[in-house]
Amino acid sequence: MTIKVTELALKNIQRLQDEYASKDFGLRFGLETVGCSGYKYVVEFEEFPLQDDKVYEIKNDNFKIDIYVSNEDLLKLNNSIIDWSDTLL
């Protein structure tokens, strides 16, 4: 099971951690059920992982972030790549 984060996303996650004073927080990556048959992504800072979370340590030369994924969401999110876009999708 893997979760990857692009360099551009790491750079912006670091910027947002500084901006929102959440430097030591991890990043929750998950799914939320919406409507009758769909999902939306959940991406938010959290101080600690939950008991059933899988924790992925992602790092580059000067930054490290822990990504928290619940076991429930893990099968659906396996092999995901978190990227960054400055436009609305």
N, C-alpha and C. Protein backbone atom coordinates (compact mmCIF):
# COMPACT_ATOMS: atom_id res chain seq x y z
N MET A 1 0.84 -1.18 0.00
CA MET A 1 0.00 0.00 0.00
C MET A 1 0.89 1.24 0.00
N THR A 2 0.62 2.15 -0.92
CA THR A 2 1.44 3.36 -0.99
C THR A 2 0.59 4.59 -1.23
N ILE A 3 1.09 5.69 -0.73
CA ILE A 3 0.57 7.02 -1.01
C ILE A 3 1.79 7.85 -1.37
N LYS A 4 1.73 8.57 -2.47
CA LYS A 4 2.85 9.41 -2.88
C LYS A 4 2.41 10.87 -2.89
N VAL A 5 3.39 11.76 -2.72
CA VAL A 5 3.14 13.20 -2.73
C VAL A 5 4.18 13.83 -3.65
N THR A 6 3.73 14.66 -4.59
CA THR A 6 4.66 15.30 -5.51
C THR A 6 5.44 16.40 -4.79
N GLU A 7 6.57 16.78 -5.37
CA GLU A 7 7.40 17.85 -4.80
C GLU A 7 6.61 19.16 -4.72
N LEU A 8 5.81 19.45 -5.75
CA LEU A 8 5.01 20.68 -5.73
C LEU A 8 3.99 20.65 -4.59
N ALA A 9 3.37 19.51 -4.36
CA ALA A 9 2.42 19.40 -3.26
C ALA A 9 3.14 19.54 -1.91
N LEU A 10 4.31 18.92 -1.77
CA LEU A 10 5.07 19.06 -0.53
C LEU A 10 5.41 20.51 -0.24
N LYS A 11 5.83 21.23 -1.26
CA LYS A 11 6.17 22.65 -1.10
C LYS A 11 4.97 23.44 -0.60
N ASN A 12 3.80 23.17 -1.16
CA ASN A 12 2.60 23.91 -0.77
C ASN A 12 2.04 23.45 0.57
N ILE A 13 2.19 22.18 0.91
CA ILE A 13 1.80 21.71 2.24
C ILE A 13 2.64 22.40 3.29
N GLN A 14 3.93 22.51 3.05
CA GLN A 14 4.82 23.20 3.98
C GLN A 14 4.41 24.67 4.12
N ARG A 15 4.10 25.32 3.03
CA ARG A 15 3.66 26.72 3.06
C ARG A 15 2.38 26.86 3.88
N LEU A 16 1.42 25.96 3.67
CA LEU A 16 0.16 26.02 4.40
C LEU A 16 0.33 25.71 5.88
N GLN A 17 1.24 24.80 6.21
CA GLN A 17 1.52 24.54 7.63
C GLN A 17 2.04 25.80 8.31
N ASP A 18 2.92 26.52 7.64
CA ASP A 18 3.42 27.77 8.19
C ASP A 18 2.31 28.80 8.32
N GLU A 19 1.50 28.92 7.29
CA GLU A 19 0.42 29.91 7.25
C GLU A 19 -0.63 29.66 8.32
N TYR A 20 -0.94 28.40 8.60
CA TYR A 20 -2.00 28.07 9.55
C TYR A 20 -1.46 27.61 10.91
N ALA A 21 -0.20 27.87 11.17
CA ALA A 21 0.43 27.54 12.45
C ALA A 21 0.18 26.08 12.83
N SER A 22 0.40 25.20 11.88
CA SER A 22 0.21 23.77 12.14
C SER A 22 1.46 22.99 11.74
N LYS A 23 2.59 23.53 12.12
CA LYS A 23 3.90 23.01 11.71
C LYS A 23 4.11 21.55 12.09
N ASP A 24 3.66 21.14 13.26
CA ASP A 24 3.89 19.77 13.72
C ASP A 24 2.72 18.83 13.45
N PHE A 25 1.75 19.29 12.67
CA PHE A 25 0.58 18.47 12.38
C PHE A 25 0.86 17.55 11.19
N GLY A 26 0.11 16.46 11.13
CA GLY A 26 0.13 15.60 9.96
C GLY A 26 -0.99 16.00 9.01
N LEU A 27 -1.08 15.30 7.90
CA LEU A 27 -2.10 15.59 6.90
C LEU A 27 -3.05 14.41 6.78
N ARG A 28 -4.33 14.64 7.09
CA ARG A 28 -5.36 13.62 6.91
C ARG A 28 -5.70 13.53 5.43
N PHE A 29 -5.62 12.33 4.86
CA PHE A 29 -6.01 12.08 3.48
C PHE A 29 -7.04 10.97 3.52
N GLY A 30 -8.26 11.29 3.10
CA GLY A 30 -9.32 10.30 3.19
C GLY A 30 -10.44 10.57 2.22
N LEU A 31 -11.52 9.86 2.45
CA LEU A 31 -12.71 9.97 1.62
C LEU A 31 -13.92 10.22 2.50
N GLU A 32 -14.87 10.97 1.96
CA GLU A 32 -16.14 11.21 2.64
C GLU A 32 -17.25 10.87 1.66
N THR A 33 -18.25 10.14 2.13
CA THR A 33 -19.37 9.78 1.27
C THR A 33 -20.23 11.01 1.03
N VAL A 34 -20.56 11.24 -0.26
CA VAL A 34 -21.46 12.35 -0.62
C VAL A 34 -22.50 11.81 -1.60
N GLY A 35 -23.70 12.32 -1.50
CA GLY A 35 -24.75 11.90 -2.42
C GLY A 35 -25.07 10.42 -2.26
N CYS A 36 -25.62 9.87 -3.30
CA CYS A 36 -26.06 8.47 -3.26
C CYS A 36 -24.95 7.48 -3.55
N SER A 37 -23.99 7.86 -4.37
CA SER A 37 -23.00 6.85 -4.77
C SER A 37 -21.61 7.43 -4.98
N GLY A 38 -21.32 8.55 -4.34
CA GLY A 38 -20.03 9.18 -4.62
C GLY A 38 -19.20 9.44 -3.38
N TYR A 39 -17.99 9.90 -3.65
CA TYR A 39 -17.05 10.26 -2.60
C TYR A 39 -16.43 11.61 -2.92
N LYS A 40 -15.93 12.27 -1.89
CA LYS A 40 -15.08 13.42 -2.09
C LYS A 40 -13.85 13.23 -1.23
N TYR A 41 -12.75 13.82 -1.68
CA TYR A 41 -11.51 13.71 -0.93
C TYR A 41 -11.55 14.59 0.31
N VAL A 42 -10.91 14.11 1.36
CA VAL A 42 -10.69 14.89 2.58
C VAL A 42 -9.19 15.10 2.69
N VAL A 43 -8.78 16.36 2.75
CA VAL A 43 -7.37 16.70 2.92
C VAL A 43 -7.33 17.83 3.94
N GLU A 44 -6.85 17.54 5.14
CA GLU A 44 -6.83 18.55 6.19
C GLU A 44 -5.75 18.23 7.21
N PHE A 45 -5.28 19.25 7.89
CA PHE A 45 -4.27 19.06 8.92
C PHE A 45 -4.90 18.49 10.18
N GLU A 46 -4.20 17.53 10.80
CA GLU A 46 -4.62 16.96 12.08
C GLU A 46 -3.40 16.82 12.97
N GLU A 47 -3.61 17.05 14.26
CA GLU A 47 -2.49 17.02 15.18
C GLU A 47 -1.95 15.61 15.41
N PHE A 48 -2.86 14.62 15.47
CA PHE A 48 -2.45 13.24 15.75
C PHE A 48 -3.22 12.27 14.86
N PRO A 49 -2.61 11.12 14.55
CA PRO A 49 -3.36 10.10 13.81
C PRO A 49 -4.38 9.43 14.73
N LEU A 50 -5.40 8.85 14.14
CA LEU A 50 -6.36 8.05 14.89
C LEU A 50 -5.79 6.66 15.09
N GLN A 51 -6.37 5.91 15.99
CA GLN A 51 -5.83 4.61 16.36
C GLN A 51 -5.75 3.65 15.17
N ASP A 52 -6.72 3.69 14.27
CA ASP A 52 -6.73 2.74 13.15
C ASP A 52 -6.07 3.28 11.88
N ASP A 53 -5.38 4.41 11.97
CA ASP A 53 -4.75 5.02 10.79
C ASP A 53 -3.46 4.31 10.39
N LYS A 54 -3.23 4.26 9.11
CA LYS A 54 -1.92 3.93 8.57
C LYS A 54 -1.20 5.27 8.41
N VAL A 55 0.04 5.35 8.87
CA VAL A 55 0.79 6.60 8.80
C VAL A 55 1.92 6.43 7.79
N TYR A 56 1.94 7.31 6.79
CA TYR A 56 2.99 7.34 5.78
C TYR A 56 3.89 8.54 6.04
N GLU A 57 5.17 8.31 6.20
CA GLU A 57 6.11 9.41 6.36
C GLU A 57 6.64 9.80 4.98
N ILE A 58 6.37 11.02 4.59
CA ILE A 58 6.78 11.53 3.28
C ILE A 58 7.80 12.64 3.54
N LYS A 59 8.94 12.58 2.84
CA LYS A 59 9.94 13.62 3.07
C LYS A 59 10.75 13.87 1.81
N ASN A 60 11.31 15.08 1.79
CA ASN A 60 12.31 15.43 0.78
C ASN A 60 13.52 15.96 1.54
N ASP A 61 14.38 16.70 0.88
CA ASP A 61 15.62 17.14 1.52
C ASP A 61 15.42 18.03 2.74
N ASN A 62 14.36 18.85 2.76
CA ASN A 62 14.23 19.81 3.86
C ASN A 62 12.84 19.84 4.51
N PHE A 63 12.03 18.81 4.27
CA PHE A 63 10.67 18.83 4.81
C PHE A 63 10.17 17.40 4.99
N LYS A 64 9.40 17.20 6.08
CA LYS A 64 8.79 15.89 6.35
C LYS A 64 7.35 16.10 6.79
N ILE A 65 6.45 15.27 6.29
CA ILE A 65 5.06 15.31 6.71
C ILE A 65 4.56 13.88 6.87
N ASP A 66 3.76 13.65 7.90
CA ASP A 66 3.10 12.35 8.05
C ASP A 66 1.71 12.45 7.42
N ILE A 67 1.37 11.46 6.62
CA ILE A 67 0.06 11.38 5.98
C ILE A 67 -0.73 10.32 6.73
N TYR A 68 -1.93 10.69 7.24
CA TYR A 68 -2.78 9.78 7.98
C TYR A 68 -3.91 9.29 7.08
N VAL A 69 -4.03 7.97 6.94
CA VAL A 69 -5.10 7.38 6.12
C VAL A 69 -5.77 6.30 6.96
N SER A 70 -7.09 6.39 7.07
CA SER A 70 -7.80 5.37 7.85
C SER A 70 -7.77 4.04 7.11
N ASN A 71 -7.80 2.96 7.87
CA ASN A 71 -7.83 1.63 7.26
C ASN A 71 -9.04 1.47 6.35
N GLU A 72 -10.14 2.12 6.70
CA GLU A 72 -11.36 2.04 5.90
C GLU A 72 -11.15 2.64 4.51
N ASP A 73 -10.39 3.73 4.42
CA ASP A 73 -10.17 4.40 3.13
C ASP A 73 -8.96 3.85 2.37
N LEU A 74 -8.14 3.09 3.05
CA LEU A 74 -6.86 2.67 2.48
C LEU A 74 -6.99 1.90 1.18
N LEU A 75 -7.93 0.98 1.10
CA LEU A 75 -8.07 0.19 -0.13
C LEU A 75 -8.46 1.05 -1.33
N LYS A 76 -9.30 2.04 -1.10
CA LYS A 76 -9.73 2.92 -2.20
C LYS A 76 -8.64 3.92 -2.59
N LEU A 77 -7.79 4.29 -1.64
CA LEU A 77 -6.76 5.31 -1.89
C LEU A 77 -5.38 4.73 -2.19
N ASN A 78 -5.25 3.43 -2.18
CA ASN A 78 -3.96 2.80 -2.45
C ASN A 78 -3.41 3.27 -3.80
N ASN A 79 -2.14 3.58 -3.81
CA ASN A 79 -1.42 4.05 -5.01
C ASN A 79 -1.84 5.46 -5.46
N SER A 80 -2.47 6.21 -4.57
CA SER A 80 -2.82 7.60 -4.89
C SER A 80 -1.58 8.48 -4.92
N ILE A 81 -1.66 9.52 -5.70
CA ILE A 81 -0.62 10.55 -5.75
C ILE A 81 -1.27 11.87 -5.40
N ILE A 82 -0.80 12.50 -4.33
CA ILE A 82 -1.29 13.82 -3.94
C ILE A 82 -0.47 14.84 -4.70
N ASP A 83 -1.14 15.67 -5.48
CA ASP A 83 -0.47 16.69 -6.28
C ASP A 83 -1.07 18.04 -5.93
N TRP A 84 -0.61 19.08 -6.58
CA TRP A 84 -1.07 20.45 -6.30
C TRP A 84 -1.43 21.15 -7.59
N SER A 85 -2.52 21.91 -7.53
CA SER A 85 -2.92 22.74 -8.68
C SER A 85 -3.39 24.08 -8.12
N ASP A 86 -2.99 25.16 -8.78
CA ASP A 86 -3.43 26.50 -8.36
C ASP A 86 -4.74 26.91 -9.00
N THR A 87 -5.39 26.00 -9.69
CA THR A 87 -6.67 26.30 -10.35
C THR A 87 -7.76 25.46 -9.74
N LEU A 88 -9.00 25.89 -9.91
CA LEU A 88 -10.13 25.09 -9.46
C LEU A 88 -10.34 23.97 -10.45
N LEU A 89 -10.58 22.78 -9.93
CA LEU A 89 -10.79 21.62 -10.81
C LEU A 89 -12.24 21.26 -10.87
